Amino acid sequence: MVGAGRIGVALLVVVLGAGAGQGTAAGAPAREPLDTWTGSWEAAPSGTTTAHPGASFRNVVHLSVGGDAVRVRLTNRLGTAPLRLDTVTVALRGTGPNAVPGSMRTATFNGAGTVTIPAGEDLVTDAVPLAVPDAADLLVTVHTPDDSGPATYHRAAGQTNYRTPGGNWAADSDGAAYTTTTTSWYYVTGVDVLDAPAAGSVVAFGDSLTDGNGSTRDTNHRWPDRLAERLAELPSYRRLGVLNAGISGNRLLRDDTGPSALARLDADALSRSGVRVLIVMEGINDIKGTPNATDPDAFETAYRTLVTRAHAHGIRVVGATLTPYGGNGAYTAAREAVRQAVNAFVRAGAGGLFDAVVDFDAAVRDPEQPQRIRPAYDSGDHLHFNDAGMRALADTVDLTTLAPLTPWTP
């Protein structure tokens, strides 16, 4: 059993080079557990909403990689007052809000069962002794006894979650008390796993296209989910956990829905556990939003700043081209010219700006009308992708740009 005294401090590890890693390939020497934490799930805070004092929030989160124990990152990052939590639990999910019998665990903070998170901060639990398999669904439940002001949440979860009208039901395995549903995640922003069969994690950093808008709810068909499925087929020394840091409505150059990409880079990407690689697809809301950005040079400057900051932590950056949105109500020819200019220097980024490039635009555009998404990939609004489009994005990522090609050696 893993002791609860390990404090959850986000771990930054430099990108793996040839011959480095944390897994063991077939034929490679076995190793002892390294007590290494890997990011397995993320939801970046996107704003605040009405708090429900006395309620219990049961969040359903879908892990990428499993491990011998878990720890949970709770958030009051966008709150305005200290957040008191008197119970936080973690369990394997059965169906709906019901836990798998025998899997319910109470999380602690430096050994205490209650915690107060200051406004503007995140806090990580102690290690929770719960072994979890790859691609597991967890129930992360919090009870907020007091009115702690606006609740930090991730609005567009694409996942049905649960709430009680009142009462501390956080430790109940039976989900009967959870009579209210929500499609947002409350107060939880990450899950790490201990000694995962993986070499670290990759962060998908972006807006609603990464957040999963347009994909089928409750099916985990966002493109980062599909990327996790592809990575799961690799040997452990090449496998990575996948963290989805997409926020619907987010921008590269200015605050809008959630802080701007540059403002949230450290909290949502660089400080996450075991991060090796960052995939960046951010900027379409700057082009089509109000006010809209018209200077391609501003995008290049922002990307260059982002890459420089990631490299300072030893993290590789894969730049993604911006996908079409012709036919959407925000489309204009002038804005399309900006998108094309941005994509031109992203594509050239493998030679200088980015460590590698993934051409999402080329993968999903309609050959007959390249300013538009292929009809088979269009969710209907000519901007967001359906499940097939999400799969096409994920399948375009060259896995050799993410993970080491040679196994760990002692």
Protein backbone atom coordinates (compact mmCIF):
# COMPACT_ATOMS: atom_id res chain seq x y z
CA MET A 1 0.00 0.00 0.00
CA VAL A 2 1.21 3.46 -0.87
CA GLY A 3 1.66 5.73 2.13
CA ALA A 4 -0.42 8.89 2.27
CA GLY A 5 2.52 11.04 3.25
CA ARG A 6 3.80 11.68 -0.26
CA ILE A 7 3.00 15.28 -0.98
CA GLY A 8 1.70 16.03 -4.47
CA VAL A 9 4.12 18.55 -5.87
CA ALA A 10 3.90 18.80 -9.65
CA LEU A 11 6.94 17.17 -11.21
CA LEU A 12 8.72 18.66 -14.19
CA VAL A 13 11.09 16.30 -15.98
CA VAL A 14 13.21 17.14 -19.00
CA VAL A 15 12.29 15.67 -22.33
CA LEU A 16 13.56 12.16 -22.91
CA GLY A 17 16.44 11.72 -25.29
CA ALA A 18 17.62 8.55 -26.98
CA GLY A 19 18.22 5.85 -24.40
CA ALA A 20 16.20 7.58 -21.67
CA GLY A 21 12.78 6.76 -20.32
CA GLN A 22 10.89 5.14 -17.47
CA GLY A 23 9.36 2.03 -18.99
CA THR A 24 10.82 -1.39 -19.70
CA ALA A 25 10.72 -2.79 -23.22
CA ALA A 26 10.65 -6.46 -24.12
CA GLY A 27 14.17 -7.70 -23.59
CA ALA A 28 15.21 -4.63 -21.60
CA PRO A 29 16.32 -5.04 -17.98
CA ALA A 30 13.61 -4.93 -15.33
CA ARG A 31 13.59 -2.04 -12.90
CA GLU A 32 12.32 -1.28 -9.44
CA PRO A 33 9.39 1.17 -9.07
CA LEU A 34 10.67 4.73 -9.16
CA ASP A 35 7.88 6.41 -7.18
CA THR A 36 7.27 8.53 -10.26
CA TRP A 37 4.09 10.49 -10.84
CA THR A 38 2.61 10.81 -14.33
CA GLY A 39 -0.23 13.07 -15.42
CA SER A 40 -3.16 10.92 -16.56
CA TRP A 41 -6.09 13.37 -16.81
CA GLU A 42 -6.66 17.11 -16.86
CA ALA A 43 -9.42 19.68 -17.15
CA ALA A 44 -8.13 23.25 -17.28
CA PRO A 45 -10.15 25.78 -15.23
CA SER A 46 -12.23 27.87 -17.62
CA GLY A 47 -14.07 30.22 -15.28
CA THR A 48 -16.32 30.38 -12.24
CA THR A 49 -19.96 29.60 -11.62
CA THR A 50 -22.45 29.62 -8.77
CA ALA A 51 -21.32 27.68 -5.73
CA HIS A 52 -23.69 25.28 -3.97
CA PRO A 53 -22.78 25.34 -0.28
CA GLY A 54 -23.46 22.01 1.41
CA ALA A 55 -23.60 20.08 -1.86
CA SER A 56 -21.46 17.16 -2.94
CA PHE A 57 -20.07 17.23 -6.49
CA ARG A 58 -19.28 13.86 -8.10
CA ASN A 59 -17.01 14.31 -11.12
CA VAL A 60 -16.49 11.54 -13.68
CA VAL A 61 -12.96 11.62 -15.11
CA HIS A 62 -11.48 9.31 -17.74
CA LEU A 63 -7.83 8.43 -17.20
CA SER A 64 -5.36 7.81 -20.00
CA VAL A 65 -2.79 5.66 -18.15
CA GLY A 66 -3.20 3.67 -14.95
CA GLY A 67 -0.92 3.21 -11.97
CA ASP A 68 -0.41 1.89 -8.46
CA ALA A 69 -2.02 4.89 -6.71
CA VAL A 70 -3.52 8.26 -7.59
CA ARG A 71 -3.41 11.84 -6.41
CA VAL A 72 -5.89 14.56 -7.32
CA ARG A 73 -5.30 18.22 -8.07
CA LEU A 74 -8.12 20.40 -6.70
CA THR A 75 -8.55 24.00 -7.78
CA ASN A 76 -9.65 27.34 -6.40
CA ARG A 77 -7.54 29.12 -8.99
CA LEU A 78 -10.24 31.48 -10.21
CA GLY A 79 -12.05 31.80 -6.89
CA THR A 80 -12.22 34.94 -4.79
CA ALA A 81 -12.31 33.45 -1.27
CA PRO A 82 -10.68 30.48 0.51
CA LEU A 83 -12.32 27.19 -0.47
CA ARG A 84 -12.97 24.73 2.36
CA LEU A 85 -13.39 21.06 1.49
CA ASP A 86 -14.28 18.76 4.35
CA THR A 87 -14.33 15.54 2.31
CA VAL A 88 -12.66 14.49 -0.94
CA THR A 89 -13.02 10.92 -2.19
CA VAL A 90 -11.79 8.88 -5.14
CA ALA A 91 -13.32 5.65 -6.44
CA LEU A 92 -13.47 3.54 -9.54
CA ARG A 93 -16.70 4.21 -11.37
CA GLY A 94 -19.31 1.53 -11.84
CA THR A 95 -22.32 2.99 -13.65
CA GLY A 96 -23.62 6.55 -13.45
CA PRO A 97 -22.66 8.05 -10.08
CA ASN A 98 -22.15 4.63 -8.47
CA ALA A 99 -18.72 3.47 -7.34
CA VAL A 100 -17.31 -0.01 -7.82
CA PRO A 101 -17.90 -1.73 -4.46
CA GLY A 102 -14.81 -1.67 -2.26
CA SER A 103 -13.01 1.01 -4.29
CA MET A 104 -14.04 4.13 -2.35
CA ARG A 105 -11.07 5.97 -0.81
CA THR A 106 -10.88 9.19 1.20
CA ALA A 107 -8.14 11.58 0.11
CA THR A 108 -6.03 13.47 2.63
CA PHE A 109 -3.87 16.59 2.63
CA ASN A 110 -0.68 16.24 4.68
CA GLY A 111 -2.58 13.52 6.50
CA ALA A 112 -5.66 15.66 7.27
CA GLY A 113 -9.12 14.89 5.91
CA THR A 114 -10.10 18.54 5.48
CA VAL A 115 -8.38 21.35 3.64
CA THR A 116 -8.74 25.02 2.80
CA ILE A 117 -7.42 26.08 -0.61
CA PRO A 118 -6.53 29.78 -0.83
CA ALA A 119 -8.07 31.85 -3.61
CA GLY A 120 -5.95 31.73 -6.74
CA GLU A 121 -4.32 28.37 -5.98
CA ASP A 122 -4.45 24.66 -6.73
CA LEU A 123 -3.64 21.96 -4.19
CA VAL A 124 -2.72 18.30 -4.66
CA THR A 125 -3.85 15.51 -2.35
CA ASP A 126 -1.60 12.98 -0.70
CA ALA A 127 -1.20 9.69 -2.52
CA VAL A 128 -4.48 7.76 -2.50
CA PRO A 129 -3.93 3.98 -2.24
CA LEU A 130 -6.09 2.93 -5.17
CA ALA A 131 -4.63 0.98 -8.07
CA VAL A 132 -6.26 2.02 -11.34
CA PRO A 133 -6.14 0.40 -14.78
CA ASP A 134 -5.49 2.19 -18.06
CA ALA A 135 -8.49 4.09 -19.45
CA ALA A 136 -10.34 3.83 -16.13
CA ASP A 137 -13.24 6.07 -15.19
CA LEU A 138 -12.82 7.58 -11.73
CA LEU A 139 -15.32 9.32 -9.48
CA VAL A 140 -13.72 12.33 -7.80
CA THR A 141 -16.16 13.72 -5.26
CA VAL A 142 -15.86 16.85 -3.14
CA HIS A 143 -18.10 18.23 -0.43
CA THR A 144 -18.12 21.99 0.12
CA PRO A 145 -19.73 22.71 3.53
CA ASP A 146 -19.59 26.50 3.33
CA ASP A 147 -20.21 29.31 0.90
CA SER A 148 -16.69 29.82 -0.44
CA GLY A 149 -17.68 32.19 -3.20
CA PRO A 150 -17.67 31.48 -6.96
CA ALA A 151 -16.75 27.89 -7.83
CA THR A 152 -13.84 27.28 -10.18
CA TYR A 153 -14.96 24.85 -12.84
CA HIS A 154 -14.40 23.53 -16.36
CA ARG A 155 -17.62 24.42 -18.13
CA ALA A 156 -17.67 22.25 -21.27
CA ALA A 157 -16.86 18.79 -19.90
CA GLY A 158 -18.58 16.76 -22.60
CA GLN A 159 -19.29 14.40 -19.72
CA THR A 160 -22.29 13.91 -17.44
CA ASN A 161 -21.35 14.61 -13.83
CA TYR A 162 -23.45 14.63 -10.67
CA ARG A 163 -24.44 16.79 -7.70
CA THR A 164 -26.49 16.39 -4.56
CA PRO A 165 -28.86 19.15 -3.53
CA GLY A 166 -27.27 19.06 -0.08
CA GLY A 167 -25.52 16.86 2.44
CA ASN A 168 -22.14 15.19 2.62
CA TRP A 169 -22.50 12.11 0.44
CA ALA A 170 -18.93 12.16 -0.81
CA ALA A 171 -18.00 8.80 0.73
CA ASP A 172 -21.15 6.98 -0.38
CA SER A 173 -20.49 4.25 -2.94
CA ASP A 174 -24.19 4.23 -3.79
CA GLY A 175 -24.91 7.18 -6.03
CA ALA A 176 -28.64 7.44 -5.23
CA ALA A 177 -28.22 10.84 -3.53
CA TYR A 178 -26.82 12.38 -6.73
CA THR A 179 -30.11 13.49 -8.23
CA THR A 180 -28.83 16.48 -10.23
CA THR A 181 -26.66 16.23 -13.33
CA THR A 182 -24.26 18.75 -14.80
CA THR A 183 -22.03 18.82 -17.88
CA SER A 184 -19.23 20.67 -16.08
CA TRP A 185 -16.36 19.53 -13.84
CA TYR A 186 -16.29 21.28 -10.44
CA TYR A 187 -13.16 21.97 -8.38
CA VAL A 188 -11.05 19.18 -9.95
CA THR A 189 -8.32 19.97 -12.48
CA GLY A 190 -6.06 16.92 -12.64
CA VAL A 191 -5.28 13.33 -11.71
CA ASP A 192 -1.77 11.85 -11.51
CA VAL A 193 -0.95 8.15 -11.23
CA LEU A 194 1.99 6.50 -9.51
CA ASP A 195 4.50 4.40 -11.45
CA ALA A 196 2.46 4.27 -14.65
CA PRO A 197 3.64 2.04 -17.51
CA ALA A 198 4.61 5.18 -19.38
CA ALA A 199 7.52 7.51 -20.06
CA GLY A 200 5.75 10.71 -19.00
CA SER A 201 2.85 12.73 -20.39
CA VAL A 202 1.87 14.94 -23.31
CA VAL A 203 -0.31 18.03 -22.95
CA ALA A 204 -2.83 18.91 -25.67
CA PHE A 205 -3.10 22.69 -25.32
CA GLY A 206 -5.86 24.53 -27.10
CA ASP A 207 -9.46 25.71 -27.34
CA SER A 208 -12.85 24.08 -27.99
CA LEU A 209 -11.44 21.95 -30.80
CA THR A 210 -9.22 20.26 -28.23
CA ASP A 211 -11.81 20.49 -25.44
CA GLY A 212 -14.03 18.22 -27.56
CA ASN A 213 -16.95 20.41 -28.65
CA GLY A 214 -18.84 18.61 -31.40
CA SER A 215 -17.92 15.10 -30.27
CA THR A 216 -20.48 12.78 -28.69
CA ARG A 217 -21.01 13.39 -24.98
CA ASP A 218 -20.01 10.66 -22.51
CA THR A 219 -18.00 8.70 -25.09
CA ASN A 220 -14.49 10.18 -24.69
CA HIS A 221 -14.16 10.85 -28.40
CA ARG A 222 -12.18 14.07 -28.15
CA TRP A 223 -9.01 13.95 -30.24
CA PRO A 224 -6.73 13.76 -27.15
CA ASP A 225 -8.72 10.69 -26.04
CA ARG A 226 -8.09 9.03 -29.39
CA LEU A 227 -4.41 10.01 -29.12
CA ALA A 228 -4.29 8.20 -25.76
CA GLU A 229 -5.72 5.09 -27.43
CA ARG A 230 -2.99 5.20 -30.06
CA LEU A 231 -0.26 5.69 -27.46
CA ALA A 232 -1.65 2.77 -25.44
CA GLU A 233 -0.57 0.45 -28.24
CA LEU A 234 3.09 1.41 -27.80
CA PRO A 235 5.53 -0.28 -25.41
CA SER A 236 5.71 1.35 -22.01
CA TYR A 237 9.00 3.12 -22.69
CA ARG A 238 7.31 5.01 -25.55
CA ARG A 239 3.89 5.48 -24.04
CA LEU A 240 2.67 8.80 -22.62
CA GLY A 241 -0.25 9.85 -20.49
CA VAL A 242 -2.43 12.42 -22.24
CA LEU A 243 -3.60 15.65 -20.59
CA ASN A 244 -6.35 17.68 -22.25
CA ALA A 245 -5.74 21.38 -21.53
CA GLY A 246 -8.33 22.61 -24.02
CA ILE A 247 -10.75 25.36 -22.98
CA SER A 248 -13.75 26.19 -25.15
CA GLY A 249 -13.55 29.84 -26.18
CA ASN A 250 -9.92 30.20 -25.15
CA ARG A 251 -7.54 32.54 -27.00
CA LEU A 252 -3.83 32.75 -27.61
CA LEU A 253 -3.40 36.51 -27.42
CA ARG A 254 -5.90 37.74 -24.84
CA ASP A 255 -8.06 36.60 -21.93
CA ASP A 256 -11.56 35.51 -22.93
CA THR A 257 -12.98 32.22 -21.74
CA GLY A 258 -10.32 31.45 -19.20
CA PRO A 259 -6.95 33.19 -19.08
CA SER A 260 -5.06 33.51 -22.37
CA ALA A 261 -2.82 30.67 -23.48
CA LEU A 262 0.32 32.46 -22.35
CA ALA A 263 -1.22 33.41 -19.00
CA ARG A 264 -2.22 29.83 -18.18
CA LEU A 265 0.75 28.02 -19.71
CA ASP A 266 2.53 27.27 -16.44
CA ALA A 267 -0.54 26.16 -14.47
CA ASP A 268 -2.15 24.09 -17.23
CA ALA A 269 0.93 22.66 -18.96
CA LEU A 270 4.45 23.28 -17.71
CA SER A 271 3.76 22.41 -14.06
CA ARG A 272 1.85 19.19 -14.74
CA SER A 273 3.43 15.91 -13.70
CA GLY A 274 5.92 14.24 -16.01
CA VAL A 275 5.27 16.51 -18.99
CA ARG A 276 7.54 15.71 -21.93
CA VAL A 277 5.73 17.25 -24.89
CA LEU A 278 3.24 20.04 -25.58
CA ILE A 279 0.95 20.01 -28.65
CA VAL A 280 -0.34 23.52 -29.34
CA MET A 281 -3.41 24.25 -31.45
CA GLU A 282 -4.53 27.69 -30.34
CA GLY A 283 -5.46 30.85 -32.19
CA ILE A 284 -8.67 30.36 -34.20
CA ASN A 285 -10.70 32.28 -31.60
CA ASP A 286 -8.29 35.21 -31.94
CA ILE A 287 -8.90 35.23 -35.68
CA LYS A 288 -12.68 34.88 -35.67
CA GLY A 289 -13.56 36.42 -32.30
CA THR A 290 -14.46 39.95 -31.28
CA PRO A 291 -12.22 41.86 -31.35
CA ASN A 292 -10.36 39.80 -33.90
CA ALA A 293 -6.60 39.69 -34.32
CA THR A 294 -5.43 40.81 -37.74
CA ASP A 295 -1.63 40.76 -37.46
CA PRO A 296 -0.04 37.35 -38.13
CA ASP A 297 3.20 38.59 -36.57
CA ALA A 298 1.44 38.76 -33.18
CA PHE A 299 0.74 35.03 -33.41
CA GLU A 300 4.34 34.23 -34.25
CA THR A 301 5.57 36.31 -31.32
CA ALA A 302 3.18 34.54 -28.94
CA TYR A 303 4.11 31.09 -30.23
CA ARG A 304 7.79 31.89 -29.94
CA THR A 305 7.31 33.01 -26.33
CA LEU A 306 5.38 29.84 -25.55
CA VAL A 307 8.07 27.63 -27.09
CA THR A 308 10.87 29.44 -25.27
CA ARG A 309 9.13 28.99 -21.93
CA ALA A 310 8.46 25.30 -22.57
CA HIS A 311 12.05 24.68 -23.67
CA ALA A 312 13.27 26.24 -20.41
CA HIS A 313 11.58 23.29 -18.69
CA GLY A 314 12.99 20.74 -21.15
CA ILE A 315 9.60 20.25 -22.82
CA ARG A 316 9.31 19.74 -26.57
CA VAL A 317 6.63 21.67 -28.47
CA VAL A 318 4.67 20.38 -31.46
CA GLY A 319 2.90 23.15 -33.36
CA ALA A 320 -0.46 22.38 -34.98
CA THR A 321 -1.93 24.25 -37.93
CA LEU A 322 -5.28 25.97 -37.44
CA THR A 323 -8.20 24.13 -39.02
CA PRO A 324 -10.77 25.55 -41.50
CA TYR A 325 -14.03 27.21 -40.56
CA GLY A 326 -15.46 28.34 -43.90
CA GLY A 327 -19.26 28.40 -43.76
CA ASN A 328 -19.26 29.39 -40.09
CA GLY A 329 -20.97 32.70 -39.33
CA ALA A 330 -17.68 34.26 -38.22
CA TYR A 331 -15.87 33.46 -41.47
CA THR A 332 -14.60 36.27 -43.74
CA ALA A 333 -12.04 36.31 -46.52
CA ALA A 334 -9.85 38.72 -44.54
CA ARG A 335 -9.83 36.44 -41.52
CA GLU A 336 -9.07 33.46 -43.74
CA ALA A 337 -5.99 35.29 -45.02
CA VAL A 338 -4.77 35.62 -41.43
CA ARG A 339 -5.33 31.89 -40.81
CA GLN A 340 -3.38 31.00 -43.93
CA ALA A 341 -0.51 33.30 -42.90
CA VAL A 342 -0.40 31.77 -39.42
CA ASN A 343 -0.43 28.26 -40.85
CA ALA A 344 2.41 29.11 -43.22
CA PHE A 345 4.83 29.90 -40.42
CA VAL A 346 3.55 27.01 -38.28
CA ARG A 347 4.36 24.63 -41.15
CA ALA A 348 7.80 26.18 -41.38
CA GLY A 349 8.24 25.77 -37.64
CA ALA A 350 9.96 22.40 -37.79
CA GLY A 351 12.96 24.31 -39.05
CA GLY A 352 13.08 26.75 -36.18
CA LEU A 353 9.96 27.76 -34.26
CA PHE A 354 8.63 24.35 -33.18
CA ASP A 355 10.33 21.03 -32.51
CA ALA A 356 7.83 19.34 -34.84
CA VAL A 357 4.62 20.18 -36.69
CA VAL A 358 1.30 18.36 -37.09
CA ASP A 359 -0.74 19.60 -40.05
CA PHE A 360 -4.30 19.32 -38.77
CA ASP A 361 -5.49 21.70 -41.48
CA ALA A 362 -4.32 19.42 -44.29
CA ALA A 363 -5.87 16.39 -42.60
CA VAL A 364 -9.41 17.72 -42.32
CA ARG A 365 -9.93 20.34 -45.04
CA ASP A 366 -12.24 19.68 -47.97
CA PRO A 367 -10.11 19.21 -51.11
CA GLU A 368 -12.78 20.94 -53.18
CA GLN A 369 -13.20 23.88 -50.79
CA PRO A 370 -10.04 24.04 -48.64
CA GLN A 371 -11.41 26.87 -46.52
CA ARG A 372 -14.01 24.38 -45.24
CA ILE A 373 -13.93 21.17 -43.16
CA ARG A 374 -14.66 17.94 -45.02
CA PRO A 375 -18.42 17.30 -44.68
CA ALA A 376 -17.74 13.87 -43.15
CA TYR A 377 -15.85 15.54 -40.29
CA ASP A 378 -18.15 18.53 -39.70
CA SER A 379 -20.26 18.60 -36.53
CA GLY A 380 -22.68 20.92 -38.30
CA ASP A 381 -21.40 24.39 -37.38
CA HIS A 382 -18.50 24.28 -39.89
CA LEU A 383 -16.00 24.87 -37.08
CA HIS A 384 -16.07 21.95 -34.66
CA PHE A 385 -15.49 18.30 -35.43
CA ASN A 386 -17.70 15.26 -35.02
CA ASP A 387 -16.29 11.97 -33.76
CA ALA A 388 -14.85 11.08 -37.17
CA GLY A 389 -13.16 14.45 -37.42
CA MET A 390 -11.70 14.10 -33.93
CA ARG A 391 -10.28 10.72 -34.92
CA ALA A 392 -8.76 12.21 -38.07
CA LEU A 393 -6.99 14.87 -36.01
CA ALA A 394 -5.55 12.35 -33.55
CA ASP A 395 -4.50 9.94 -36.28
CA THR A 396 -2.52 12.73 -37.97
CA VAL A 397 -0.12 13.06 -35.02
CA ASP A 398 3.21 11.36 -35.74
CA LEU A 399 3.88 9.40 -32.55
CA THR A 400 7.61 9.46 -33.20
CA THR A 401 7.54 13.21 -32.46
CA LEU A 402 6.15 12.51 -28.98
CA ALA A 403 7.88 9.52 -27.48
CA PRO A 404 11.42 8.12 -27.32
CA LEU A 405 12.31 5.43 -29.83
CA THR A 406 14.71 3.50 -27.61
CA PRO A 407 13.99 1.76 -24.27
CA TRP A 408 14.99 2.73 -20.80
CA THR A 409 18.33 1.37 -19.64
CA PRO A 410 19.81 1.47 -16.12
